[in-house]
Amino acid sequence: MSMIELEGKVAVVTGGSSGIGLATVELLLEAGAAVAFCGRNQERLQQVEAQLRARFPQARLFSSVCDVLSQEQVQAFAAAVEEKLGAVSMLVNNAGQGRVSTFADTEDAAWTEELRLKFFSVIYPTRAFQPQLQRMSAAHGEAAVVCVNSLLAIQPEPHMVATSAARAGIHNLVRSLATEFAAQKIRVNGILIGLVESGQWRRRYEARTGADLDLSWEQWTRALAQKKNIQLGRLGHPQEAARAIVFLATPLSSYTTGSHIDVSGGLSRHA
C-alpha cells in the first residue's frame, strides 16, 4: 500500500530505466501517478516499459529515448510528456555515474565532461519542465524538483576529485533554485546517496580476484561496507533512495525546500 495517493499527478524521472531511477518510477506508479521516464538505450527502455505495463496494467506510462545533455532532445521530451500524460508536477533529475581520478591524473577534457554531465543533466530538464511545473503549482498550490546527488557533495574523496567538485556544485545549485523558484511555489530538494547496490558494484564483484573469490555477494558487500565504515554495515538498496525521493517529490514534504536527505547508511562523517 502506498503512503500517499498521487492519482491525477504526472511525474518525470530521468535515467529511469535502471537502479534508483527505476525504483522511483515503480514507487510513483504504486502511488497512482502517471509517470514518464527516459534513458539513452532504446532496447533497455522498451524492456523496462513492458515489464512495468505487465505489473501496472492500468498505469499511465510513457518512456522515451532522450540524452539529457542535449537541450533539443530534452525540450522535445518535455513536449511529448505533456502531450501524452499532461503537465508535470514532479521532476526527478537522476543521471550520471562517478569518475575515478585524482587531481594529478584528471585532464582538462575529463573535467569538462564531468562538470557538463553533472550540471546540464539538471539544468536542461529543469529548464524544459519549469513552465509545466509553474502551471501546476499555480493550479494546485505546489510542484517539486528532486535532484539525485551524492554524499561526495559534502564529503569529497581524493580519488574522485572531479565528481566530488561537480557534486558540490549541484548541492549549491539546489539551494539556489529553491530560493529562486519559491515565489513560483516550486520546491527544490535533493538526496545525498552513499554506496547503493547497482550494476556498477555487481561488475566489480564479478571482476574480483584473490581471496575475494570465495565470498558471496552478501559477504563481499558487507566487507565493503565495513571497509568504508558504513554504520549500518551494508550497501543501500535502490528502493531506499527512491523512498526519500518520493517523499521530497510529493506533499509529504510540503514544508521542505532547499534541503538534502542523507541516504548513506551512516557513511556521512558530517553533522
C-alpha atoms as a PDB file:
ATOM      1  CA  MET A   1       0.000   0.000   0.000  1.00  0.00           C
ATOM      2  CA  SER A   2       1.336   3.416  -0.949  1.00  0.00           C
ATOM      3  CA  MET A   3       1.862   6.045   1.741  1.00  0.00           C
ATOM      4  CA  ILE A   4       0.363   8.776  -0.471  1.00  0.00           C
ATOM      5  CA  GLU A   5      -2.237   8.973  -3.220  1.00  0.00           C
ATOM      6  CA  LEU A   6      -0.967  10.578  -6.444  1.00  0.00           C
ATOM      7  CA  GLU A   7      -3.892   9.860  -8.745  1.00  0.00           C
ATOM      8  CA  GLY A   8      -4.078  12.576 -11.392  1.00  0.00           C
ATOM      9  CA  LYS A   9      -0.481  13.722 -10.846  1.00  0.00           C
ATOM     10  CA  VAL A  10       2.238  13.471 -13.506  1.00  0.00           C
ATOM     11  CA  ALA A  11       5.878  12.759 -12.659  1.00  0.00           C
ATOM     12  CA  VAL A  12       9.047  12.616 -14.759  1.00  0.00           C
ATOM     13  CA  VAL A  13      12.160  10.603 -13.895  1.00  0.00           C
ATOM     14  CA  THR A  14      15.308  10.994 -15.978  1.00  0.00           C
ATOM     15  CA  GLY A  15      17.601   7.981 -16.059  1.00  0.00           C
ATOM     16  CA  GLY A  16      14.560   5.922 -15.133  1.00  0.00           C
ATOM     17  CA  SER A  17      15.318   2.581 -16.759  1.00  0.00           C
ATOM     18  CA  SER A  18      17.526   1.106 -14.018  1.00  0.00           C
ATOM     19  CA  GLY A  19      18.698   1.439 -10.429  1.00  0.00           C
ATOM     20  CA  ILE A  20      17.404   4.295  -8.300  1.00  0.00           C
ATOM     21  CA  GLY A  21      15.555   5.834 -11.233  1.00  0.00           C
ATOM     22  CA  LEU A  22      13.585   2.668 -11.953  1.00  0.00           C
ATOM     23  CA  ALA A  23      12.829   2.125  -8.265  1.00  0.00           C
ATOM     24  CA  THR A  24      11.453   5.668  -8.151  1.00  0.00           C
ATOM     25  CA  VAL A  25       9.277   5.057 -11.220  1.00  0.00           C
ATOM     26  CA  GLU A  26       7.856   1.952  -9.531  1.00  0.00           C
ATOM     27  CA  LEU A  27       7.015   3.757  -6.280  1.00  0.00           C
ATOM     28  CA  LEU A  28       5.335   6.611  -8.146  1.00  0.00           C
ATOM     29  CA  LEU A  29       3.252   4.162 -10.170  1.00  0.00           C
ATOM     30  CA  GLU A  30       2.272   2.333  -6.987  1.00  0.00           C
ATOM     31  CA  ALA A  31       1.002   5.660  -5.625  1.00  0.00           C
ATOM     32  CA  GLY A  32      -1.169   6.170  -8.708  1.00  0.00           C
ATOM     33  CA  ALA A  33       0.849   8.807 -10.549  1.00  0.00           C
ATOM     34  CA  ALA A  34       1.226   8.945 -14.301  1.00  0.00           C
ATOM     35  CA  VAL A  35       4.948   8.576 -14.957  1.00  0.00           C
ATOM     36  CA  ALA A  36       7.259   9.425 -17.835  1.00  0.00           C
ATOM     37  CA  PHE A  37      10.856   8.297 -17.832  1.00  0.00           C
ATOM     38  CA  CYS A  38      13.764   8.486 -20.226  1.00  0.00           C
ATOM     39  CA  GLY A  39      17.148   6.952 -20.919  1.00  0.00           C
ATOM     40  CA  ARG A  40      19.637   6.583 -23.740  1.00  0.00           C
ATOM     41  CA  ASN A  41      19.229   2.864 -24.510  1.00  0.00           C
ATOM     42  CA  GLN A  42      16.098   2.210 -26.554  1.00  0.00           C
ATOM     43  CA  GLU A  43      16.162  -1.576 -26.102  1.00  0.00           C
ATOM     44  CA  ARG A  44      16.501  -1.230 -22.336  1.00  0.00           C
ATOM     45  CA  LEU A  45      13.676   1.319 -22.217  1.00  0.00           C
ATOM     46  CA  GLN A  46      11.351  -0.953 -24.189  1.00  0.00           C
ATOM     47  CA  GLN A  47      12.108  -3.931 -21.938  1.00  0.00           C
ATOM     48  CA  VAL A  48      11.507  -1.937 -18.771  1.00  0.00           C
ATOM     49  CA  GLU A  49       8.311  -0.362 -20.074  1.00  0.00           C
ATOM     50  CA  ALA A  50       6.947  -3.792 -20.997  1.00  0.00           C
ATOM     51  CA  GLN A  51       7.740  -5.096 -17.501  1.00  0.00           C
ATOM     52  CA  LEU A  52       6.107  -2.094 -15.869  1.00  0.00           C
ATOM     53  CA  ARG A  53       2.981  -2.378 -18.017  1.00  0.00           C
ATOM     54  CA  ALA A  54       2.674  -6.034 -17.049  1.00  0.00           C
ATOM     55  CA  ARG A  55       2.942  -5.115 -13.385  1.00  0.00           C
ATOM     56  CA  PHE A  56       0.788  -1.965 -13.590  1.00  0.00           C
ATOM     57  CA  PRO A  57      -1.717  -2.694 -16.379  1.00  0.00           C
ATOM     58  CA  GLN A  58      -3.848   0.368 -15.603  1.00  0.00           C
ATOM     59  CA  ALA A  59      -0.921   2.774 -15.338  1.00  0.00           C
ATOM     60  CA  ARG A  60      -0.470   5.852 -17.477  1.00  0.00           C
ATOM     61  CA  LEU A  61       3.132   5.407 -18.556  1.00  0.00           C
ATOM     62  CA  PHE A  62       5.408   6.914 -21.174  1.00  0.00           C
ATOM     63  CA  SER A  63       9.056   6.252 -21.964  1.00  0.00           C
ATOM     64  CA  SER A  64      11.325   7.893 -24.497  1.00  0.00           C
ATOM     65  CA  VAL A  65      14.922   7.814 -25.635  1.00  0.00           C
ATOM     66  CA  CYS A  66      16.494  11.083 -24.536  1.00  0.00           C
ATOM     67  CA  ASP A  67      20.032  12.264 -23.920  1.00  0.00           C
ATOM     68  CA  VAL A  68      19.691  14.747 -21.060  1.00  0.00           C
ATOM     69  CA  LEU A  69      22.832  16.512 -22.289  1.00  0.00           C
ATOM     70  CA  SER A  70      21.011  17.510 -25.479  1.00  0.00           C
ATOM     71  CA  GLN A  71      18.842  20.545 -24.836  1.00  0.00           C
ATOM     72  CA  GLU A  72      16.887  19.871 -28.043  1.00  0.00           C
ATOM     73  CA  GLN A  73      16.117  16.267 -27.052  1.00  0.00           C
ATOM     74  CA  VAL A  74      15.077  17.300 -23.551  1.00  0.00           C
ATOM     75  CA  GLN A  75      12.782  20.020 -24.876  1.00  0.00           C
ATOM     76  CA  ALA A  76      11.202  17.503 -27.274  1.00  0.00           C
ATOM     77  CA  PHE A  77      10.802  15.012 -24.412  1.00  0.00           C
ATOM     78  CA  ALA A  78       9.069  17.638 -22.265  1.00  0.00           C
ATOM     79  CA  ALA A  79       6.628  18.455 -25.061  1.00  0.00           C
ATOM     80  CA  ALA A  80       5.909  14.763 -25.668  1.00  0.00           C
ATOM     81  CA  VAL A  81       5.281  14.125 -21.970  1.00  0.00           C
ATOM     82  CA  GLU A  82       2.733  16.923 -21.759  1.00  0.00           C
ATOM     83  CA  GLU A  83       1.012  15.689 -24.926  1.00  0.00           C
ATOM     84  CA  LYS A  84       0.869  12.066 -23.706  1.00  0.00           C
ATOM     85  CA  LEU A  85       0.213  12.488 -19.984  1.00  0.00           C
ATOM     86  CA  GLY A  86      -0.455  16.150 -19.201  1.00  0.00           C
ATOM     87  CA  ALA A  87       1.517  18.832 -17.388  1.00  0.00           C
ATOM     88  CA  VAL A  88       4.151  17.644 -14.910  1.00  0.00           C
ATOM     89  CA  SER A  89       4.109  18.499 -11.198  1.00  0.00           C
ATOM     90  CA  MET A  90       7.095  16.336 -10.126  1.00  0.00           C
ATOM     91  CA  LEU A  91      10.522  16.228 -11.784  1.00  0.00           C
ATOM     92  CA  VAL A  92      13.257  13.846 -10.634  1.00  0.00           C
ATOM     93  CA  ASN A  93      16.699  14.616 -12.061  1.00  0.00           C
ATOM     94  CA  ASN A  94      18.619  11.359 -11.886  1.00  0.00           C
ATOM     95  CA  ALA A  95      21.611  10.849 -14.157  1.00  0.00           C
ATOM     96  CA  GLY A  96      25.331  10.208 -14.110  1.00  0.00           C
ATOM     97  CA  GLN A  97      27.881   7.887 -12.524  1.00  0.00           C
ATOM     98  CA  GLY A  98      31.141   8.854 -10.861  1.00  0.00           C
ATOM     99  CA  ARG A  99      34.593   9.282 -12.342  1.00  0.00           C
ATOM    100  CA  VAL A 100      37.554   7.761 -10.513  1.00  0.00           C
ATOM    101  CA  SER A 101      40.538  10.113 -10.815  1.00  0.00           C
ATOM    102  CA  THR A 102      42.806  12.311  -8.725  1.00  0.00           C
ATOM    103  CA  PHE A 103      43.653  15.942  -9.442  1.00  0.00           C
ATOM    104  CA  ALA A 104      47.006  14.865 -10.896  1.00  0.00           C
ATOM    105  CA  ASP A 105      45.527  12.494 -13.452  1.00  0.00           C
ATOM    106  CA  THR A 106      42.342  14.374 -14.408  1.00  0.00           C
ATOM    107  CA  GLU A 107      42.860  16.005 -17.781  1.00  0.00           C
ATOM    108  CA  ASP A 108      41.049  19.130 -18.946  1.00  0.00           C
ATOM    109  CA  ALA A 109      38.733  17.154 -21.215  1.00  0.00           C
ATOM    110  CA  ALA A 110      37.716  14.942 -18.288  1.00  0.00           C
ATOM    111  CA  TRP A 111      36.994  17.976 -16.114  1.00  0.00           C
ATOM    112  CA  THR A 112      34.831  19.465 -18.853  1.00  0.00           C
ATOM    113  CA  GLU A 113      32.975  16.201 -19.429  1.00  0.00           C
ATOM    114  CA  GLU A 114      32.290  15.606 -15.741  1.00  0.00           C
ATOM    115  CA  LEU A 115      31.147  19.140 -14.962  1.00  0.00           C
ATOM    116  CA  ARG A 116      28.938  19.230 -18.056  1.00  0.00           C
ATOM    117  CA  LEU A 117      27.324  15.889 -17.186  1.00  0.00           C
ATOM    118  CA  LYS A 118      26.511  16.780 -13.600  1.00  0.00           C
ATOM    119  CA  PHE A 119      25.320  20.333 -14.232  1.00  0.00           C
ATOM    120  CA  PHE A 120      23.438  20.068 -17.507  1.00  0.00           C
ATOM    121  CA  SER A 121      21.687  16.803 -16.598  1.00  0.00           C
ATOM    122  CA  VAL A 122      19.934  19.040 -14.043  1.00  0.00           C
ATOM    123  CA  ILE A 123      19.846  22.339 -15.937  1.00  0.00           C
ATOM    124  CA  TYR A 124      18.290  21.114 -19.191  1.00  0.00           C
ATOM    125  CA  PRO A 125      15.409  19.059 -17.700  1.00  0.00           C
ATOM    126  CA  THR A 126      14.650  21.712 -15.089  1.00  0.00           C
ATOM    127  CA  ARG A 127      14.582  24.406 -17.759  1.00  0.00           C
ATOM    128  CA  ALA A 128      12.412  22.296 -20.077  1.00  0.00           C
ATOM    129  CA  PHE A 129       9.824  21.303 -17.474  1.00  0.00           C
ATOM    130  CA  GLN A 130       9.747  24.541 -15.465  1.00  0.00           C
ATOM    131  CA  PRO A 131       6.812  26.050 -17.419  1.00  0.00           C
ATOM    132  CA  GLN A 132       4.728  22.916 -16.723  1.00  0.00           C
ATOM    133  CA  LEU A 133       5.769  22.850 -13.065  1.00  0.00           C
ATOM    134  CA  GLN A 134       4.867  26.519 -12.737  1.00  0.00           C
ATOM    135  CA  ARG A 135       1.399  25.997 -14.250  1.00  0.00           C
ATOM    136  CA  MET A 136       0.727  23.046 -11.954  1.00  0.00           C
ATOM    137  CA  SER A 137       1.900  24.909  -8.869  1.00  0.00           C
ATOM    138  CA  ALA A 138      -0.362  27.843  -9.778  1.00  0.00           C
ATOM    139  CA  ALA A 139      -3.305  25.471 -10.177  1.00  0.00           C
ATOM    140  CA  HIS A 140      -2.714  23.147  -7.233  1.00  0.00           C
ATOM    141  CA  GLY A 141      -0.510  25.019  -4.789  1.00  0.00           C
ATOM    142  CA  GLU A 142       2.835  23.317  -5.324  1.00  0.00           C
ATOM    143  CA  ALA A 143       5.199  21.404  -7.580  1.00  0.00           C
ATOM    144  CA  ALA A 144       8.574  19.833  -6.882  1.00  0.00           C
ATOM    145  CA  VAL A 145      12.010  19.113  -8.312  1.00  0.00           C
ATOM    146  CA  VAL A 146      14.267  16.474  -6.744  1.00  0.00           C
ATOM    147  CA  CYS A 147      17.919  16.037  -7.675  1.00  0.00           C
ATOM    148  CA  VAL A 148      19.706  12.764  -7.003  1.00  0.00           C
ATOM    149  CA  ASN A 149      23.130  13.735  -5.709  1.00  0.00           C
ATOM    150  CA  SER A 150      25.973  12.044  -3.867  1.00  0.00           C
ATOM    151  CA  LEU A 151      27.460  12.344  -0.395  1.00  0.00           C
ATOM    152  CA  LEU A 152      30.590  13.388  -2.285  1.00  0.00           C
ATOM    153  CA  ALA A 153      28.974  16.829  -2.478  1.00  0.00           C
ATOM    154  CA  ILE A 154      29.808  17.463   1.181  1.00  0.00           C
ATOM    155  CA  GLN A 155      32.353  14.702   1.810  1.00  0.00           C
ATOM    156  CA  PRO A 156      34.782  14.672  -1.139  1.00  0.00           C
ATOM    157  CA  GLU A 157      37.039  11.727  -1.874  1.00  0.00           C
ATOM    158  CA  PRO A 158      40.558  12.408  -3.198  1.00  0.00           C
ATOM    159  CA  HIS A 159      40.280   9.582  -5.741  1.00  0.00           C
ATOM    160  CA  MET A 160      37.084  11.139  -7.190  1.00  0.00           C
ATOM    161  CA  VAL A 161      38.132  14.772  -7.313  1.00  0.00           C
ATOM    162  CA  ALA A 162      36.215  15.851 -10.432  1.00  0.00           C
ATOM    163  CA  THR A 163      33.000  14.104  -9.425  1.00  0.00           C
ATOM    164  CA  SER A 164      33.234  15.461  -5.874  1.00  0.00           C
ATOM    165  CA  ALA A 165      33.647  19.021  -7.139  1.00  0.00           C
ATOM    166  CA  ALA A 166      30.775  18.676  -9.597  1.00  0.00           C
ATOM    167  CA  ARG A 167      28.520  17.153  -6.945  1.00  0.00           C
ATOM    168  CA  ALA A 168      29.286  20.069  -4.609  1.00  0.00           C
ATOM    169  CA  GLY A 169      28.189  22.417  -7.372  1.00  0.00           C
ATOM    170  CA  ILE A 170      24.847  20.627  -7.711  1.00  0.00           C
ATOM    171  CA  HIS A 171      24.397  20.791  -3.937  1.00  0.00           C
ATOM    172  CA  ASN A 172      24.756  24.566  -4.214  1.00  0.00           C
ATOM    173  CA  LEU A 173      22.551  24.730  -7.321  1.00  0.00           C
ATOM    174  CA  VAL A 174      19.693  23.012  -5.465  1.00  0.00           C
ATOM    175  CA  ARG A 175      19.797  25.715  -2.787  1.00  0.00           C
ATOM    176  CA  SER A 176      19.900  28.454  -5.422  1.00  0.00           C
ATOM    177  CA  LEU A 177      16.997  27.010  -7.411  1.00  0.00           C
ATOM    178  CA  ALA A 178      14.951  26.560  -4.238  1.00  0.00           C
ATOM    179  CA  THR A 179      15.372  30.250  -3.466  1.00  0.00           C
ATOM    180  CA  GLU A 180      14.547  31.393  -6.998  1.00  0.00           C
ATOM    181  CA  PHE A 181      11.601  29.013  -7.502  1.00  0.00           C
ATOM    182  CA  ALA A 182       9.990  29.633  -4.098  1.00  0.00           C
ATOM    183  CA  ALA A 183       7.939  32.530  -5.474  1.00  0.00           C
ATOM    184  CA  GLN A 184       6.529  30.095  -8.054  1.00  0.00           C
ATOM    185  CA  LYS A 185       5.678  27.574  -5.286  1.00  0.00           C
ATOM    186  CA  ILE A 186       8.068  25.038  -6.800  1.00  0.00           C
ATOM    187  CA  ARG A 187      10.059  23.230  -4.124  1.00  0.00           C
ATOM    188  CA  VAL A 188      13.586  22.035  -4.963  1.00  0.00           C
ATOM    189  CA  ASN A 189      15.420  19.431  -2.871  1.00  0.00           C
ATOM    190  CA  GLY A 190      17.989  16.686  -3.235  1.00  0.00           C
ATOM    191  CA  ILE A 191      19.189  13.419  -1.760  1.00  0.00           C
ATOM    192  CA  LEU A 192      22.793  12.507  -0.990  1.00  0.00           C
ATOM    193  CA  ILE A 193      23.434   8.843  -1.633  1.00  0.00           C
ATOM    194  CA  GLY A 194      26.320   6.773  -0.371  1.00  0.00           C
ATOM    195  CA  LEU A 195      27.085   3.283  -1.648  1.00  0.00           C
ATOM    196  CA  VAL A 196      23.954   1.831  -3.247  1.00  0.00           C
ATOM    197  CA  GLU A 197      23.706  -1.604  -4.865  1.00  0.00           C
ATOM    198  CA  SER A 198      23.964  -1.169  -8.618  1.00  0.00           C
ATOM    199  CA  GLY A 199      25.198  -2.748 -11.820  1.00  0.00           C
ATOM    200  CA  GLN A 200      28.485  -0.943 -11.243  1.00  0.00           C
ATOM    201  CA  TRP A 201      29.051  -2.725  -7.907  1.00  0.00           C
ATOM    202  CA  ARG A 202      27.894  -6.042  -9.417  1.00  0.00           C
ATOM    203  CA  ARG A 203      30.505  -5.705 -12.143  1.00  0.00           C
ATOM    204  CA  ARG A 204      33.193  -5.028  -9.565  1.00  0.00           C
ATOM    205  CA  TYR A 205      32.076  -8.107  -7.650  1.00  0.00           C
ATOM    206  CA  GLU A 206      32.206 -10.268 -10.773  1.00  0.00           C
ATOM    207  CA  ALA A 207      35.697  -8.957 -11.595  1.00  0.00           C
ATOM    208  CA  ARG A 208      37.068  -9.724  -8.119  1.00  0.00           C
ATOM    209  CA  THR A 209      40.279 -11.746  -7.716  1.00  0.00           C
ATOM    210  CA  GLY A 210      42.300 -13.457  -4.992  1.00  0.00           C
ATOM    211  CA  ALA A 211      40.756 -14.235  -1.613  1.00  0.00           C
ATOM    212  CA  ASP A 212      37.566 -12.381  -2.563  1.00  0.00           C
ATOM    213  CA  LEU A 213      36.657 -15.203  -4.956  1.00  0.00           C
ATOM    214  CA  ASP A 214      35.321 -17.261  -2.049  1.00  0.00           C
ATOM    215  CA  LEU A 215      32.913 -14.538  -0.940  1.00  0.00           C
ATOM    216  CA  SER A 216      29.215 -14.460  -1.783  1.00  0.00           C
ATOM    217  CA  TRP A 217      27.673 -11.173  -2.913  1.00  0.00           C
ATOM    218  CA  GLU A 218      26.297 -10.614   0.602  1.00  0.00           C
ATOM    219  CA  GLN A 219      29.677 -11.343   2.220  1.00  0.00           C
ATOM    220  CA  TRP A 220      31.523  -9.162  -0.272  1.00  0.00           C
ATOM    221  CA  THR A 221      29.203  -6.170   0.175  1.00  0.00           C
ATOM    222  CA  ARG A 222      29.314  -6.495   3.978  1.00  0.00           C
ATOM    223  CA  ALA A 223      33.113  -6.487   3.818  1.00  0.00           C
ATOM    224  CA  LEU A 224      32.986  -3.435   1.556  1.00  0.00           C
ATOM    225  CA  ALA A 225      30.653  -1.669   3.982  1.00  0.00           C
ATOM    226  CA  GLN A 226      32.998  -2.442   6.859  1.00  0.00           C
ATOM    227  CA  LYS A 227      35.979  -1.143   4.887  1.00  0.00           C
ATOM    228  CA  LYS A 228      34.091   2.071   4.079  1.00  0.00           C
ATOM    229  CA  ASN A 229      32.909   2.458   7.712  1.00  0.00           C
ATOM    230  CA  ILE A 230      29.218   2.395   6.810  1.00  0.00           C
ATOM    231  CA  GLN A 231      27.481   2.303  10.171  1.00  0.00           C
ATOM    232  CA  LEU A 232      24.548   0.147   9.045  1.00  0.00           C
ATOM    233  CA  GLY A 233      27.005  -2.465   7.788  1.00  0.00           C
ATOM    234  CA  ARG A 234      25.685  -2.898   4.257  1.00  0.00           C
ATOM    235  CA  LEU A 235      25.152  -1.179   0.923  1.00  0.00           C
ATOM    236  CA  GLY A 236      21.909   0.661   0.356  1.00  0.00           C
ATOM    237  CA  HIS A 237      19.108  -0.598  -1.871  1.00  0.00           C
ATOM    238  CA  PRO A 238      17.734   1.475  -4.771  1.00  0.00           C
ATOM    239  CA  GLN A 239      14.276   1.343  -3.175  1.00  0.00           C
ATOM    240  CA  GLU A 240      15.618   3.056  -0.052  1.00  0.00           C
ATOM    241  CA  ALA A 241      16.874   6.006  -2.057  1.00  0.00           C
ATOM    242  CA  ALA A 242      13.614   6.023  -4.042  1.00  0.00           C
ATOM    243  CA  ARG A 243      11.528   6.388  -0.868  1.00  0.00           C
ATOM    244  CA  ALA A 244      13.442   9.549   0.042  1.00  0.00           C
ATOM    245  CA  ILE A 245      12.949  10.884  -3.491  1.00  0.00           C
ATOM    246  CA  VAL A 246       9.188  10.249  -3.426  1.00  0.00           C
ATOM    247  CA  PHE A 247       8.954  11.925  -0.017  1.00  0.00           C
ATOM    248  CA  LEU A 248      10.621  15.057  -1.395  1.00  0.00           C
ATOM    249  CA  ALA A 249       8.652  14.997  -4.665  1.00  0.00           C
ATOM    250  CA  THR A 250       5.228  14.876  -3.007  1.00  0.00           C
ATOM    251  CA  PRO A 251       3.212  16.926  -0.498  1.00  0.00           C
ATOM    252  CA  LEU A 252       4.547  14.627   2.235  1.00  0.00           C
ATOM    253  CA  SER A 253       7.386  17.181   2.388  1.00  0.00           C
ATOM    254  CA  SER A 254       5.284  20.265   1.677  1.00  0.00           C
ATOM    255  CA  TYR A 255       7.284  22.487   4.079  1.00  0.00           C
ATOM    256  CA  THR A 256      10.704  21.386   2.830  1.00  0.00           C
ATOM    257  CA  THR A 257      12.762  23.138   0.176  1.00  0.00           C
ATOM    258  CA  GLY A 258      16.458  23.754  -0.410  1.00  0.00           C
ATOM    259  CA  SER A 259      17.263  20.672   1.659  1.00  0.00           C
ATOM    260  CA  HIS A 260      19.084  17.373   1.209  1.00  0.00           C
ATOM    261  CA  ILE A 261      18.322  13.998   2.750  1.00  0.00           C
ATOM    262  CA  ASP A 262      21.363  11.863   3.588  1.00  0.00           C
ATOM    263  CA  VAL A 263      20.729   8.307   2.364  1.00  0.00           C
ATOM    264  CA  SER A 264      24.134   6.811   3.114  1.00  0.00           C
ATOM    265  CA  GLY A 265      23.624   4.332   5.939  1.00  0.00           C
ATOM    266  CA  GLY A 266      25.795   6.377   8.269  1.00  0.00           C
ATOM    267  CA  LEU A 267      28.681   6.823   5.834  1.00  0.00           C
ATOM    268  CA  SER A 268      28.493  10.566   6.416  1.00  0.00           C
ATOM    269  CA  ARG A 269      31.026  11.981   8.849  1.00  0.00           C
ATOM    270  CA  HIS A 270      29.298  15.364   8.905  1.00  0.00           C
ATOM    271  CA  ALA A 271      26.682  16.513  11.383  1.00  0.00           C
END
